[in-house]
Protein backbone atom coordinates (compact mmCIF):
# COMPACT_ATOMS: atom_id res chain seq x y z
CA MET A 1 81.73 -37.96 -42.78
CA ILE A 2 83.57 -38.01 -46.10
CA ASP A 3 85.71 -35.03 -45.03
CA VAL A 4 86.81 -36.95 -41.93
CA ALA A 5 87.63 -40.00 -44.05
CA ARG A 6 89.68 -37.90 -46.47
CA ALA A 7 91.57 -36.22 -43.62
CA THR A 8 92.21 -39.49 -41.79
CA HIS A 9 93.18 -41.66 -44.77
CA LYS A 10 95.04 -39.34 -47.12
CA LYS A 11 96.43 -42.08 -49.39
CA PHE A 12 92.91 -43.12 -50.43
CA LYS A 13 90.55 -41.33 -52.79
CA PHE A 14 87.03 -40.86 -51.43
CA VAL A 15 84.27 -40.04 -53.88
CA GLN A 16 80.81 -39.16 -52.72
CA GLY A 17 78.13 -40.40 -55.06
CA ASN A 18 74.65 -41.81 -55.26
CA PHE A 19 74.49 -45.25 -56.83
CA MET A 20 70.72 -44.89 -57.26
CA THR A 21 71.08 -41.93 -59.62
CA ASP A 22 74.48 -42.81 -61.07
CA ASP A 23 74.05 -44.14 -64.59
CA SER A 24 76.97 -46.51 -64.99
CA SER A 25 75.40 -48.33 -67.92
CA GLY A 26 78.05 -48.91 -70.54
CA ASP A 27 80.78 -47.64 -68.24
CA GLU A 28 83.04 -49.61 -65.98
CA PRO A 29 81.67 -49.83 -62.44
CA LYS A 30 83.26 -47.05 -60.43
CA TYR A 31 82.94 -47.74 -56.72
CA ASP A 32 85.10 -49.89 -54.46
CA CYS A 33 82.49 -49.63 -51.73
CA VAL A 34 78.84 -48.72 -51.35
CA LEU A 35 77.88 -47.74 -47.80
CA PHE A 36 74.38 -48.03 -46.40
CA ASN A 37 74.72 -45.93 -43.26
CA GLY A 38 71.47 -46.08 -41.30
CA SER A 39 69.45 -46.27 -44.50
CA LEU A 40 68.79 -49.85 -45.63
CA GLN A 41 65.62 -50.08 -43.54
CA PHE A 42 63.96 -47.56 -45.83
CA ALA A 43 64.23 -49.88 -48.85
CA THR A 44 61.01 -51.55 -49.94
CA ASP A 45 62.93 -54.24 -51.83
CA VAL A 46 66.28 -54.88 -50.13
CA ALA A 47 67.41 -57.43 -52.74
CA ALA A 48 66.77 -54.95 -55.57
CA MET A 49 68.65 -52.26 -53.65
CA LEU A 50 71.64 -54.55 -53.11
CA ARG A 51 71.55 -55.68 -56.75
CA ARG A 52 71.65 -52.05 -57.92
CA ALA A 53 74.52 -51.28 -55.54
CA LYS A 54 76.43 -54.35 -56.71
CA GLY A 55 76.13 -53.15 -60.31
CA CYS A 56 78.15 -50.05 -59.41
CA LEU A 57 80.97 -51.96 -57.70
CA ARG A 58 84.37 -52.59 -59.19
CA GLU A 59 85.72 -56.14 -59.10
CA GLY A 60 86.35 -57.11 -55.49
CA GLY A 61 84.08 -54.31 -54.25
CA ARG A 62 82.12 -54.38 -51.03
CA ILE A 63 78.79 -53.26 -49.71
CA VAL A 64 78.88 -52.10 -46.10
CA ILE A 65 75.63 -52.07 -44.14
CA ALA A 66 75.85 -50.13 -40.89
CA HIS A 67 73.50 -48.70 -38.33
CA ALA A 68 75.01 -46.94 -35.32
CA ASN A 69 71.89 -47.52 -33.22
CA GLY A 70 71.59 -51.20 -34.12
CA ALA A 71 68.92 -53.63 -35.23
CA ALA A 72 66.83 -53.19 -32.06
CA PHE A 73 66.46 -49.47 -32.81
CA VAL A 74 65.29 -50.25 -36.34
CA ARG A 75 62.70 -52.74 -35.04
CA ASP A 76 61.35 -50.07 -32.66
CA GLU A 77 61.44 -47.51 -35.46
CA GLN A 78 59.38 -49.81 -37.68
CA ARG A 79 56.80 -50.44 -34.94
CA GLY A 80 56.40 -46.69 -34.56
CA ASN A 81 56.27 -45.88 -38.26
CA PRO A 82 55.77 -48.96 -40.47
CA ASN A 83 54.91 -46.85 -43.52
CA VAL A 84 58.38 -45.29 -43.53
CA VAL A 85 60.55 -48.12 -42.19
CA GLN A 86 60.02 -50.76 -44.86
CA SER A 87 62.44 -53.46 -43.69
CA LEU A 88 64.54 -54.60 -40.77
CA MET A 89 68.28 -55.10 -40.51
CA PRO A 90 68.88 -58.60 -41.90
CA GLY A 91 70.05 -61.32 -39.53
CA GLU A 92 72.97 -63.59 -40.48
CA GLU A 93 70.92 -66.19 -42.35
CA GLU A 94 68.77 -63.62 -44.13
CA LEU A 95 71.85 -61.61 -45.13
CA ALA A 96 73.54 -64.75 -46.49
CA ALA A 97 70.41 -65.59 -48.51
CA LEU A 98 70.15 -62.01 -49.83
CA GLY A 99 73.82 -62.09 -50.73
CA GLU A 100 73.45 -65.37 -52.58
CA GLU A 101 70.42 -64.02 -54.44
CA VAL A 102 72.38 -61.05 -55.79
CA GLY A 103 75.81 -62.71 -56.15
CA LEU A 104 77.49 -61.44 -53.00
CA SER A 105 78.93 -63.20 -49.98
CA VAL A 106 78.95 -62.18 -46.32
CA ALA A 107 82.51 -61.11 -45.54
CA ASP A 108 84.22 -62.49 -42.48
CA ILE A 109 85.04 -59.28 -40.63
CA ASP A 110 86.50 -58.77 -37.21
CA ASN A 111 85.01 -55.51 -36.03
CA ASN A 112 86.72 -55.72 -32.62
CA LEU A 113 83.53 -54.53 -30.99
CA ASP A 114 82.02 -56.21 -27.98
CA LEU A 115 78.51 -55.40 -29.18
CA ASP A 116 75.85 -57.47 -30.83
CA SER A 117 73.92 -56.37 -33.90
CA ASP A 118 71.02 -55.18 -31.73
CA GLU A 119 73.28 -52.44 -30.34
CA PHE A 120 75.50 -51.67 -33.35
CA TYR A 121 74.86 -53.21 -36.76
CA LEU A 122 77.81 -53.76 -39.09
CA GLU A 123 77.88 -56.26 -41.94
CA VAL A 124 79.87 -56.43 -45.15
CA LEU A 125 78.95 -58.13 -48.41
CA GLU A 126 81.64 -58.74 -51.00
CA GLN A 127 81.75 -59.81 -54.60
CA VAL A 128 82.76 -63.39 -55.20
CA ALA A 129 83.39 -65.47 -58.28
CA LEU A 130 80.46 -67.55 -59.52
CA GLY A 131 80.24 -70.78 -57.55
CA GLU A 132 82.08 -69.38 -54.53
CA ILE A 133 79.11 -68.11 -52.53
CA ARG A 134 79.61 -69.01 -48.88
CA ARG A 135 76.70 -69.77 -46.60
CA VAL A 136 76.57 -68.96 -42.91
CA GLN A 137 76.30 -72.23 -40.99
């Protein structure tokens, strides 16, 4: 996936890393984006996972949560194997609450897809200044 991104968007620098094992303590945060691609459902504590990811983001950074098979797939996956699939894809209100808890806001994205989150899940959280957390109405 990263090779395709590098080939498609040559003016950008793509760095593959693991924010869970990256020790950025004392250093400046190094990532513009942390991508959860079909993986957030394996987190036991989603808020802690997002907090850790946020700690690796540069100012203005984003966390992208995606699942190509959608939220419905994850629900089915959890029913079939609840010991492995620890959480579900967060709905709008839950995502806004998680974001607020860790100091992120749900980004207003236009994904130009005529799909709902049950079929293709795509959400973005972004860093905001203190006091600017937006809530989904």
